[in-house]
Amino acid sequence: MPDKNDFIAVGKIVKPIGVKGNVKAIYLTDFPDRFNSLSKVFLFDERKEEFRKNYSALEFNISDCKPLNGYVNLKFEGYEDKNSVSELIGQLIMIPETERVKLPEDNFYFYDLIGSEVFDNGKRLGTIESFTDFGSGDLVNINIGGKTVMIPFRKEFVKKVDVKNKRVDLELIEGFLE
């Protein structure tokens, strides 16, 4: 079985569309155009924490793809009616991480920073647990001594990001962590 950590989720199947086996999938990517070039994907069941098999193979072949505003209409080979796709509802659409979109120099994916050491003016604070998007901006969730602290991930505070060495340097205003 493949390792989930070697894959990234680009979508999630949410419901059947029509009666011919199409499904509606929401985007879990900042690059929805990637669906135009996908011919094979993997489906991951979050509840069972395992990849779903498509008969004897792990890959699901896409026979039709219509990217729309906010979602994509997909059809998988071998799934010809509404009943056959019902078992796919809720599955994550995964691709190998090696196929992720290459970013320009000095850009990074948030998940690349998970586990990074965080420093404020040279003093170690803790490690990055996750990121949260509240609409007006991203917050970085840092574990500081067993307590999670949320800090805006903004230029005013983030001074240096070193993805390779998993280090983020901040410059917080006085009293921020109190």
N, C-alpha and C. Protein backbone atom coordinates (compact mmCIF):
# COMPACT_ATOMS: atom_id res chain seq x y z
N MET A 1 0.84 -1.20 0.00
CA MET A 1 0.00 0.00 0.00
C MET A 1 0.87 1.25 0.00
N PRO A 2 0.47 2.25 -0.75
CA PRO A 2 1.25 3.50 -0.74
C PRO A 2 1.12 4.22 0.60
N ASP A 3 2.08 5.08 0.87
CA ASP A 3 2.09 5.87 2.10
C ASP A 3 1.34 7.17 1.84
N LYS A 4 0.35 7.47 2.66
CA LYS A 4 -0.46 8.68 2.51
C LYS A 4 0.41 9.94 2.48
N ASN A 5 1.51 9.94 3.21
CA ASN A 5 2.37 11.12 3.29
C ASN A 5 3.09 11.42 1.98
N ASP A 6 3.05 10.49 1.03
CA ASP A 6 3.67 10.71 -0.28
C ASP A 6 2.67 11.29 -1.28
N PHE A 7 1.46 11.65 -0.80
CA PHE A 7 0.40 12.16 -1.67
C PHE A 7 -0.14 13.48 -1.12
N ILE A 8 -0.78 14.24 -2.00
CA ILE A 8 -1.48 15.46 -1.58
C ILE A 8 -2.92 15.39 -2.08
N ALA A 9 -3.82 15.95 -1.29
CA ALA A 9 -5.23 15.98 -1.67
C ALA A 9 -5.49 17.21 -2.54
N VAL A 10 -6.15 17.00 -3.68
CA VAL A 10 -6.47 18.11 -4.58
C VAL A 10 -7.99 18.32 -4.68
N GLY A 11 -8.76 17.39 -4.12
CA GLY A 11 -10.21 17.51 -4.17
C GLY A 11 -10.88 16.51 -3.25
N LYS A 12 -12.20 16.69 -3.12
CA LYS A 12 -12.99 15.76 -2.30
C LYS A 12 -14.32 15.55 -2.99
N ILE A 13 -14.69 14.28 -3.16
CA ILE A 13 -15.96 13.94 -3.80
C ILE A 13 -17.09 14.18 -2.80
N VAL A 14 -18.08 14.98 -3.22
CA VAL A 14 -19.14 15.34 -2.27
C VAL A 14 -20.52 14.77 -2.61
N LYS A 15 -20.79 14.51 -3.91
CA LYS A 15 -22.10 13.94 -4.24
C LYS A 15 -22.14 13.50 -5.70
N PRO A 16 -23.10 12.62 -6.03
CA PRO A 16 -23.29 12.25 -7.43
C PRO A 16 -23.92 13.42 -8.21
N ILE A 17 -23.64 13.46 -9.49
CA ILE A 17 -24.28 14.44 -10.38
C ILE A 17 -25.00 13.63 -11.45
N GLY A 18 -26.29 13.78 -11.54
CA GLY A 18 -27.06 13.07 -12.56
C GLY A 18 -27.13 11.58 -12.30
N VAL A 19 -27.44 10.83 -13.36
CA VAL A 19 -27.64 9.39 -13.21
C VAL A 19 -26.61 8.55 -13.97
N LYS A 20 -25.63 9.19 -14.63
CA LYS A 20 -24.68 8.46 -15.48
C LYS A 20 -23.33 8.20 -14.81
N GLY A 21 -23.24 8.39 -13.50
CA GLY A 21 -22.00 8.05 -12.79
C GLY A 21 -21.03 9.21 -12.60
N ASN A 22 -21.46 10.41 -12.86
CA ASN A 22 -20.60 11.57 -12.62
C ASN A 22 -20.66 11.95 -11.15
N VAL A 23 -19.59 12.60 -10.66
CA VAL A 23 -19.55 13.06 -9.29
C VAL A 23 -19.13 14.53 -9.25
N LYS A 24 -19.58 15.19 -8.20
CA LYS A 24 -19.17 16.56 -7.92
C LYS A 24 -18.05 16.49 -6.90
N ALA A 25 -16.94 17.17 -7.20
CA ALA A 25 -15.81 17.22 -6.26
C ALA A 25 -15.45 18.68 -6.01
N ILE A 26 -15.23 19.02 -4.75
CA ILE A 26 -14.81 20.37 -4.42
C ILE A 26 -13.27 20.42 -4.51
N TYR A 27 -12.78 21.59 -4.81
CA TYR A 27 -11.33 21.78 -4.93
C TYR A 27 -10.69 21.88 -3.54
N LEU A 28 -9.57 21.21 -3.38
CA LEU A 28 -8.73 21.36 -2.19
C LEU A 28 -7.34 21.79 -2.66
N THR A 29 -7.33 22.63 -3.66
CA THR A 29 -6.09 23.08 -4.26
C THR A 29 -6.24 24.53 -4.67
N ASP A 30 -5.14 25.24 -4.67
CA ASP A 30 -5.14 26.62 -5.18
C ASP A 30 -4.95 26.63 -6.69
N PHE A 31 -4.81 25.45 -7.29
CA PHE A 31 -4.57 25.33 -8.72
C PHE A 31 -5.61 24.40 -9.36
N PRO A 32 -6.88 24.85 -9.44
CA PRO A 32 -7.93 23.97 -9.98
C PRO A 32 -7.71 23.58 -11.44
N ASP A 33 -6.92 24.35 -12.18
CA ASP A 33 -6.65 24.00 -13.58
C ASP A 33 -5.92 22.68 -13.72
N ARG A 34 -5.31 22.21 -12.64
CA ARG A 34 -4.58 20.95 -12.69
C ARG A 34 -5.50 19.79 -13.10
N PHE A 35 -6.80 19.91 -12.82
CA PHE A 35 -7.73 18.83 -13.17
C PHE A 35 -7.80 18.62 -14.68
N ASN A 36 -7.51 19.66 -15.47
CA ASN A 36 -7.54 19.53 -16.93
C ASN A 36 -6.53 18.52 -17.44
N SER A 37 -5.44 18.32 -16.72
CA SER A 37 -4.40 17.41 -17.19
C SER A 37 -4.36 16.09 -16.44
N LEU A 38 -5.23 15.91 -15.46
CA LEU A 38 -5.23 14.65 -14.71
C LEU A 38 -5.94 13.55 -15.49
N SER A 39 -5.29 12.40 -15.60
CA SER A 39 -5.94 11.25 -16.23
C SER A 39 -6.15 10.12 -15.23
N LYS A 40 -5.31 10.11 -14.19
CA LYS A 40 -5.41 9.09 -13.15
C LYS A 40 -5.24 9.75 -11.79
N VAL A 41 -6.01 9.28 -10.83
CA VAL A 41 -5.91 9.78 -9.45
C VAL A 41 -6.04 8.60 -8.49
N PHE A 42 -5.79 8.87 -7.24
CA PHE A 42 -5.98 7.91 -6.17
C PHE A 42 -7.09 8.45 -5.28
N LEU A 43 -7.88 7.58 -4.70
CA LEU A 43 -8.92 7.99 -3.77
C LEU A 43 -8.57 7.48 -2.38
N PHE A 44 -8.73 8.36 -1.40
CA PHE A 44 -8.34 8.03 -0.03
C PHE A 44 -9.55 8.17 0.89
N ASP A 45 -9.80 7.15 1.68
CA ASP A 45 -10.89 7.13 2.64
C ASP A 45 -10.36 7.60 3.99
N GLU A 46 -10.74 8.81 4.39
CA GLU A 46 -10.24 9.39 5.65
C GLU A 46 -10.71 8.60 6.87
N ARG A 47 -11.93 8.07 6.82
CA ARG A 47 -12.45 7.33 7.98
C ARG A 47 -11.68 6.04 8.22
N LYS A 48 -11.36 5.35 7.14
CA LYS A 48 -10.64 4.08 7.27
C LYS A 48 -9.12 4.29 7.22
N GLU A 49 -8.69 5.51 6.88
CA GLU A 49 -7.26 5.83 6.75
C GLU A 49 -6.57 4.88 5.78
N GLU A 50 -7.21 4.70 4.61
CA GLU A 50 -6.61 3.82 3.61
C GLU A 50 -7.02 4.24 2.21
N PHE A 51 -6.20 3.84 1.24
CA PHE A 51 -6.53 4.11 -0.15
C PHE A 51 -7.59 3.13 -0.60
N ARG A 52 -8.49 3.62 -1.42
CA ARG A 52 -9.58 2.82 -1.94
C ARG A 52 -9.11 2.11 -3.20
N LYS A 53 -9.52 0.87 -3.35
CA LYS A 53 -9.17 0.12 -4.56
C LYS A 53 -10.25 0.31 -5.62
N ASN A 54 -9.80 0.41 -6.85
CA ASN A 54 -10.68 0.47 -8.01
C ASN A 54 -10.59 -0.90 -8.67
N TYR A 55 -11.43 -1.81 -8.25
CA TYR A 55 -11.37 -3.20 -8.68
C TYR A 55 -10.02 -3.77 -8.27
N SER A 56 -9.09 -4.03 -9.18
CA SER A 56 -7.82 -4.63 -8.79
C SER A 56 -6.68 -3.61 -8.67
N ALA A 57 -6.91 -2.37 -9.11
CA ALA A 57 -5.85 -1.35 -9.08
C ALA A 57 -6.17 -0.27 -8.05
N LEU A 58 -5.16 0.51 -7.72
CA LEU A 58 -5.36 1.63 -6.80
C LEU A 58 -5.71 2.91 -7.55
N GLU A 59 -5.32 3.01 -8.80
CA GLU A 59 -5.57 4.22 -9.57
C GLU A 59 -6.97 4.22 -10.16
N PHE A 60 -7.56 5.41 -10.17
CA PHE A 60 -8.87 5.61 -10.80
C PHE A 60 -8.63 6.43 -12.06
N ASN A 61 -9.08 5.89 -13.20
CA ASN A 61 -8.93 6.59 -14.47
C ASN A 61 -10.08 7.57 -14.66
N ILE A 62 -9.74 8.79 -15.01
CA ILE A 62 -10.75 9.82 -15.27
C ILE A 62 -11.11 9.77 -16.75
N SER A 63 -12.39 9.54 -17.04
CA SER A 63 -12.82 9.49 -18.44
C SER A 63 -13.41 10.80 -18.90
N ASP A 64 -13.85 11.65 -17.97
CA ASP A 64 -14.39 12.96 -18.34
C ASP A 64 -14.19 13.92 -17.17
N CYS A 65 -13.85 15.14 -17.49
CA CYS A 65 -13.58 16.15 -16.47
C CYS A 65 -14.07 17.50 -16.97
N LYS A 66 -14.93 18.12 -16.17
CA LYS A 66 -15.44 19.45 -16.51
C LYS A 66 -15.24 20.38 -15.31
N PRO A 67 -14.11 21.11 -15.30
CA PRO A 67 -13.92 22.08 -14.21
C PRO A 67 -14.96 23.20 -14.31
N LEU A 68 -15.60 23.48 -13.20
CA LEU A 68 -16.62 24.51 -13.15
C LEU A 68 -16.26 25.50 -12.04
N ASN A 69 -17.08 26.50 -11.86
CA ASN A 69 -16.81 27.52 -10.85
C ASN A 69 -17.03 26.93 -9.45
N GLY A 70 -15.94 26.69 -8.72
CA GLY A 70 -16.04 26.20 -7.35
C GLY A 70 -16.02 24.69 -7.20
N TYR A 71 -16.17 23.94 -8.30
CA TYR A 71 -16.11 22.48 -8.21
C TYR A 71 -15.79 21.89 -9.56
N VAL A 72 -15.58 20.59 -9.59
CA VAL A 72 -15.30 19.89 -10.83
C VAL A 72 -16.27 18.71 -10.97
N ASN A 73 -16.74 18.49 -12.19
CA ASN A 73 -17.61 17.38 -12.52
C ASN A 73 -16.71 16.29 -13.11
N LEU A 74 -16.62 15.15 -12.42
CA LEU A 74 -15.74 14.06 -12.84
C LEU A 74 -16.50 12.80 -13.16
N LYS A 75 -15.95 12.03 -14.08
CA LYS A 75 -16.46 10.70 -14.38
C LYS A 75 -15.28 9.74 -14.39
N PHE A 76 -15.42 8.65 -13.64
CA PHE A 76 -14.36 7.65 -13.57
C PHE A 76 -14.72 6.45 -14.44
N GLU A 77 -13.73 5.87 -15.11
CA GLU A 77 -13.95 4.66 -15.92
C GLU A 77 -14.49 3.54 -15.03
N GLY A 78 -15.50 2.85 -15.52
CA GLY A 78 -16.07 1.72 -14.79
C GLY A 78 -17.21 2.08 -13.86
N TYR A 79 -17.50 3.36 -13.74
CA TYR A 79 -18.61 3.82 -12.89
C TYR A 79 -19.65 4.45 -13.80
N GLU A 80 -20.70 3.69 -14.07
CA GLU A 80 -21.64 4.08 -15.12
C GLU A 80 -22.99 4.58 -14.64
N ASP A 81 -23.24 4.54 -13.34
CA ASP A 81 -24.54 5.02 -12.86
C ASP A 81 -24.41 5.61 -11.46
N LYS A 82 -25.48 6.25 -11.03
CA LYS A 82 -25.50 6.94 -9.75
C LYS A 82 -25.21 5.99 -8.58
N ASN A 83 -25.72 4.78 -8.65
CA ASN A 83 -25.52 3.81 -7.57
C ASN A 83 -24.06 3.39 -7.44
N SER A 84 -23.37 3.23 -8.56
CA SER A 84 -21.98 2.77 -8.50
C SER A 84 -21.05 3.82 -7.89
N VAL A 85 -21.38 5.10 -8.00
CA VAL A 85 -20.50 6.14 -7.45
C VAL A 85 -20.85 6.48 -6.00
N SER A 86 -21.95 5.96 -5.48
CA SER A 86 -22.34 6.31 -4.11
C SER A 86 -21.26 5.92 -3.10
N GLU A 87 -20.52 4.86 -3.38
CA GLU A 87 -19.46 4.44 -2.47
C GLU A 87 -18.24 5.37 -2.51
N LEU A 88 -18.18 6.25 -3.49
CA LEU A 88 -17.04 7.17 -3.62
C LEU A 88 -17.26 8.50 -2.90
N ILE A 89 -18.48 8.73 -2.44
CA ILE A 89 -18.79 10.00 -1.76
C ILE A 89 -17.94 10.13 -0.49
N GLY A 90 -17.34 11.29 -0.32
CA GLY A 90 -16.51 11.55 0.85
C GLY A 90 -15.04 11.22 0.67
N GLN A 91 -14.68 10.60 -0.45
CA GLN A 91 -13.30 10.22 -0.69
C GLN A 91 -12.45 11.44 -1.10
N LEU A 92 -11.22 11.48 -0.63
CA LEU A 92 -10.28 12.52 -1.05
C LEU A 92 -9.66 12.11 -2.38
N ILE A 93 -9.53 13.06 -3.28
CA ILE A 93 -8.86 12.83 -4.55
C ILE A 93 -7.39 13.19 -4.34
N MET A 94 -6.53 12.21 -4.50
CA MET A 94 -5.11 12.37 -4.19
C MET A 94 -4.26 12.18 -5.44
N ILE A 95 -3.13 12.91 -5.45
CA ILE A 95 -2.11 12.72 -6.48
C ILE A 95 -0.77 12.57 -5.77
N PRO A 96 0.19 11.92 -6.42
CA PRO A 96 1.52 11.83 -5.80
C PRO A 96 2.10 13.23 -5.57
N GLU A 97 2.77 13.41 -4.45
CA GLU A 97 3.35 14.72 -4.13
C GLU A 97 4.34 15.16 -5.20
N THR A 98 4.95 14.21 -5.89
CA THR A 98 5.90 14.55 -6.95
C THR A 98 5.22 15.29 -8.11
N GLU A 99 3.88 15.21 -8.18
CA GLU A 99 3.14 15.88 -9.25
C GLU A 99 2.54 17.22 -8.81
N ARG A 100 2.92 17.70 -7.62
CA ARG A 100 2.38 18.97 -7.17
C ARG A 100 2.91 20.10 -8.04
N VAL A 101 2.21 21.21 -8.07
CA VAL A 101 2.61 22.36 -8.87
C VAL A 101 3.91 22.91 -8.31
N LYS A 102 4.87 23.13 -9.20
CA LYS A 102 6.14 23.71 -8.77
C LYS A 102 5.93 25.21 -8.56
N LEU A 103 6.37 25.69 -7.41
CA LEU A 103 6.20 27.10 -7.06
C LEU A 103 7.45 27.90 -7.43
N PRO A 104 7.28 29.19 -7.66
CA PRO A 104 8.44 30.03 -7.93
C PRO A 104 9.38 30.07 -6.72
N GLU A 105 10.61 30.47 -6.98
CA GLU A 105 11.62 30.60 -5.93
C GLU A 105 11.07 31.44 -4.78
N ASP A 106 11.41 31.10 -3.55
CA ASP A 106 11.00 31.80 -2.33
C ASP A 106 9.51 31.69 -2.03
N ASN A 107 8.82 30.74 -2.65
CA ASN A 107 7.43 30.43 -2.32
C ASN A 107 7.41 29.02 -1.76
N PHE A 108 6.36 28.68 -1.01
CA PHE A 108 6.30 27.39 -0.36
C PHE A 108 4.85 27.02 -0.09
N TYR A 109 4.66 25.76 0.18
CA TYR A 109 3.36 25.27 0.61
C TYR A 109 3.35 25.29 2.14
N PHE A 110 2.21 25.64 2.73
CA PHE A 110 2.12 25.68 4.18
C PHE A 110 2.47 24.33 4.80
N TYR A 111 2.03 23.24 4.17
CA TYR A 111 2.29 21.94 4.79
C TYR A 111 3.78 21.62 4.85
N ASP A 112 4.59 22.29 4.02
CA ASP A 112 6.04 22.12 4.11
C ASP A 112 6.61 22.70 5.40
N LEU A 113 5.86 23.58 6.05
CA LEU A 113 6.34 24.23 7.26
C LEU A 113 5.90 23.53 8.55
N ILE A 114 4.98 22.56 8.44
CA ILE A 114 4.52 21.84 9.63
C ILE A 114 5.73 21.17 10.30
N GLY A 115 5.87 21.38 11.60
CA GLY A 115 6.99 20.82 12.36
C GLY A 115 8.21 21.74 12.40
N SER A 116 8.14 22.87 11.70
CA SER A 116 9.27 23.80 11.70
C SER A 116 9.44 24.45 13.07
N GLU A 117 10.68 24.75 13.41
CA GLU A 117 11.00 25.48 14.63
C GLU A 117 10.69 26.96 14.39
N VAL A 118 10.09 27.61 15.38
CA VAL A 118 9.74 29.03 15.27
C VAL A 118 10.54 29.82 16.29
N PHE A 119 11.13 30.92 15.83
CA PHE A 119 11.94 31.79 16.68
C PHE A 119 11.40 33.21 16.63
N ASP A 120 11.41 33.89 17.77
CA ASP A 120 11.03 35.30 17.84
C ASP A 120 12.27 36.07 18.29
N ASN A 121 12.78 36.90 17.38
CA ASN A 121 14.00 37.66 17.66
C ASN A 121 15.13 36.77 18.18
N GLY A 122 15.27 35.58 17.56
CA GLY A 122 16.34 34.66 17.92
C GLY A 122 16.02 33.70 19.05
N LYS A 123 14.94 33.93 19.79
CA LYS A 123 14.56 33.06 20.91
C LYS A 123 13.55 32.02 20.42
N ARG A 124 13.84 30.74 20.71
CA ARG A 124 12.94 29.67 20.27
C ARG A 124 11.60 29.76 20.97
N LEU A 125 10.52 29.73 20.16
CA LEU A 125 9.16 29.75 20.72
C LEU A 125 8.56 28.36 20.80
N GLY A 126 8.63 27.62 19.69
CA GLY A 126 7.99 26.30 19.62
C GLY A 126 8.02 25.77 18.20
N THR A 127 7.02 24.94 17.87
CA THR A 127 6.96 24.34 16.54
C THR A 127 5.60 24.60 15.91
N ILE A 128 5.61 24.66 14.58
CA ILE A 128 4.36 24.88 13.83
C ILE A 128 3.56 23.60 13.80
N GLU A 129 2.28 23.70 14.22
CA GLU A 129 1.37 22.56 14.19
C GLU A 129 0.53 22.55 12.93
N SER A 130 0.03 23.75 12.56
CA SER A 130 -0.88 23.83 11.41
C SER A 130 -1.10 25.29 11.04
N PHE A 131 -1.90 25.48 10.01
CA PHE A 131 -2.29 26.82 9.57
C PHE A 131 -3.80 26.86 9.49
N THR A 132 -4.37 28.04 9.75
CA THR A 132 -5.81 28.23 9.67
C THR A 132 -6.09 29.46 8.83
N ASP A 133 -7.06 29.35 7.94
CA ASP A 133 -7.45 30.48 7.10
C ASP A 133 -8.79 31.00 7.61
N PHE A 134 -8.78 32.22 8.14
CA PHE A 134 -10.01 32.82 8.64
C PHE A 134 -10.60 33.81 7.65
N GLY A 135 -10.15 33.76 6.41
CA GLY A 135 -10.71 34.63 5.38
C GLY A 135 -9.95 35.94 5.24
N SER A 136 -9.67 36.59 6.33
CA SER A 136 -8.96 37.87 6.25
C SER A 136 -7.45 37.66 6.27
N GLY A 137 -7.02 36.45 6.45
CA GLY A 137 -5.59 36.15 6.47
C GLY A 137 -5.34 34.82 7.12
N ASP A 138 -4.14 34.30 6.92
CA ASP A 138 -3.77 33.01 7.48
C ASP A 138 -3.16 33.19 8.86
N LEU A 139 -3.47 32.24 9.72
CA LEU A 139 -2.87 32.20 11.06
C LEU A 139 -2.02 30.95 11.16
N VAL A 140 -0.85 31.09 11.78
CA VAL A 140 0.00 29.94 12.03
C VAL A 140 -0.24 29.50 13.47
N ASN A 141 -0.47 28.21 13.65
CA ASN A 141 -0.72 27.64 14.97
C ASN A 141 0.59 27.05 15.48
N ILE A 142 1.11 27.66 16.54
CA ILE A 142 2.41 27.26 17.08
C ILE A 142 2.23 26.63 18.45
N ASN A 143 2.85 25.47 18.63
CA ASN A 143 2.84 24.81 19.93
C ASN A 143 3.97 25.40 20.76
N ILE A 144 3.58 26.13 21.80
CA ILE A 144 4.55 26.74 22.70
C ILE A 144 4.35 26.13 24.08
N GLY A 145 5.22 25.21 24.45
CA GLY A 145 5.13 24.56 25.76
C GLY A 145 3.82 23.84 26.00
N GLY A 146 3.28 23.17 24.98
CA GLY A 146 2.03 22.42 25.13
C GLY A 146 0.77 23.24 24.90
N LYS A 147 0.93 24.53 24.69
CA LYS A 147 -0.21 25.41 24.44
C LYS A 147 -0.14 25.91 23.00
N THR A 148 -1.29 25.91 22.31
CA THR A 148 -1.31 26.39 20.92
C THR A 148 -1.59 27.88 20.90
N VAL A 149 -0.71 28.61 20.22
CA VAL A 149 -0.84 30.05 20.07
C VAL A 149 -0.99 30.35 18.58
N MET A 150 -1.96 31.20 18.25
CA MET A 150 -2.20 31.57 16.85
C MET A 150 -1.61 32.95 16.58
N ILE A 151 -0.81 33.02 15.52
CA ILE A 151 -0.15 34.27 15.15
C ILE A 151 -0.45 34.54 13.68
N PRO A 152 -0.81 35.77 13.34
CA PRO A 152 -1.04 36.10 11.92
C PRO A 152 0.23 35.84 11.11
N PHE A 153 0.08 35.14 10.01
CA PHE A 153 1.21 34.84 9.13
C PHE A 153 1.31 35.97 8.11
N ARG A 154 1.84 37.10 8.57
CA ARG A 154 1.91 38.32 7.77
C ARG A 154 3.34 38.84 7.72
N LYS A 155 3.62 39.62 6.69
CA LYS A 155 4.97 40.18 6.49
C LYS A 155 5.47 40.96 7.70
N GLU A 156 4.56 41.63 8.40
CA GLU A 156 4.99 42.42 9.56
C GLU A 156 5.63 41.57 10.64
N PHE A 157 5.22 40.30 10.73
CA PHE A 157 5.71 39.42 11.78
C PHE A 157 6.70 38.38 11.26
N VAL A 158 6.48 37.85 10.07
CA VAL A 158 7.32 36.79 9.51
C VAL A 158 8.49 37.43 8.77
N LYS A 159 9.68 37.23 9.30
CA LYS A 159 10.86 37.86 8.72
C LYS A 159 11.66 36.93 7.81
N LYS A 160 11.67 35.63 8.12
CA LYS A 160 12.42 34.70 7.29
C LYS A 160 11.80 33.31 7.39
N VAL A 161 11.67 32.66 6.24
CA VAL A 161 11.18 31.29 6.18
C VAL A 161 12.24 30.45 5.49
N ASP A 162 12.72 29.43 6.18
CA ASP A 162 13.72 28.52 5.64
C ASP A 162 13.10 27.12 5.60
N VAL A 163 12.51 26.79 4.45
CA VAL A 163 11.81 25.51 4.31
C VAL A 163 12.78 24.34 4.45
N LYS A 164 13.94 24.46 3.83
CA LYS A 164 14.92 23.36 3.84
C LYS A 164 15.34 22.99 5.26
N ASN A 165 15.61 23.99 6.09
CA ASN A 165 16.05 23.74 7.47
C ASN A 165 14.90 23.77 8.48
N LYS A 166 13.66 23.89 7.96
CA LYS A 166 12.45 23.90 8.79
C LYS A 166 12.56 24.90 9.94
N ARG A 167 12.78 26.17 9.56
CA ARG A 167 12.92 27.24 10.54
C ARG A 167 12.16 28.47 10.04
N VAL A 168 11.40 29.09 10.97
CA VAL A 168 10.68 30.32 10.68
C VAL A 168 11.07 31.35 11.73
N ASP A 169 11.54 32.50 11.26
CA ASP A 169 11.93 33.59 12.16
C ASP A 169 10.86 34.67 12.15
N LEU A 170 10.40 35.02 13.36
CA LEU A 170 9.38 36.05 13.54
C LEU A 170 9.98 37.25 14.25
N GLU A 171 9.27 38.34 14.16
CA GLU A 171 9.59 39.53 14.93
C GLU A 171 8.25 40.07 15.43
N LEU A 172 7.87 39.61 16.63
CA LEU A 172 6.56 39.96 17.19
C LEU A 172 6.65 41.27 17.97
N ILE A 173 5.52 41.96 18.06
CA ILE A 173 5.49 43.19 18.85
C ILE A 173 5.44 42.84 20.33
N GLU A 174 5.93 43.73 21.14
CA GLU A 174 6.00 43.48 22.58
C GLU A 174 4.60 43.24 23.14
N GLY A 175 4.49 42.22 23.98
CA GLY A 175 3.23 41.87 24.61
C GLY A 175 2.33 40.96 23.78
N PHE A 176 2.75 40.61 22.60
CA PHE A 176 1.94 39.79 21.69
C PHE A 176 1.59 38.44 22.30
N LEU A 177 2.52 37.82 22.96
CA LEU A 177 2.31 36.46 23.49
C LEU A 177 1.76 36.45 24.91
N GLU A 178 1.54 37.60 25.49
CA GLU A 178 1.06 37.65 26.88
C GLU A 178 -0.45 37.56 26.96
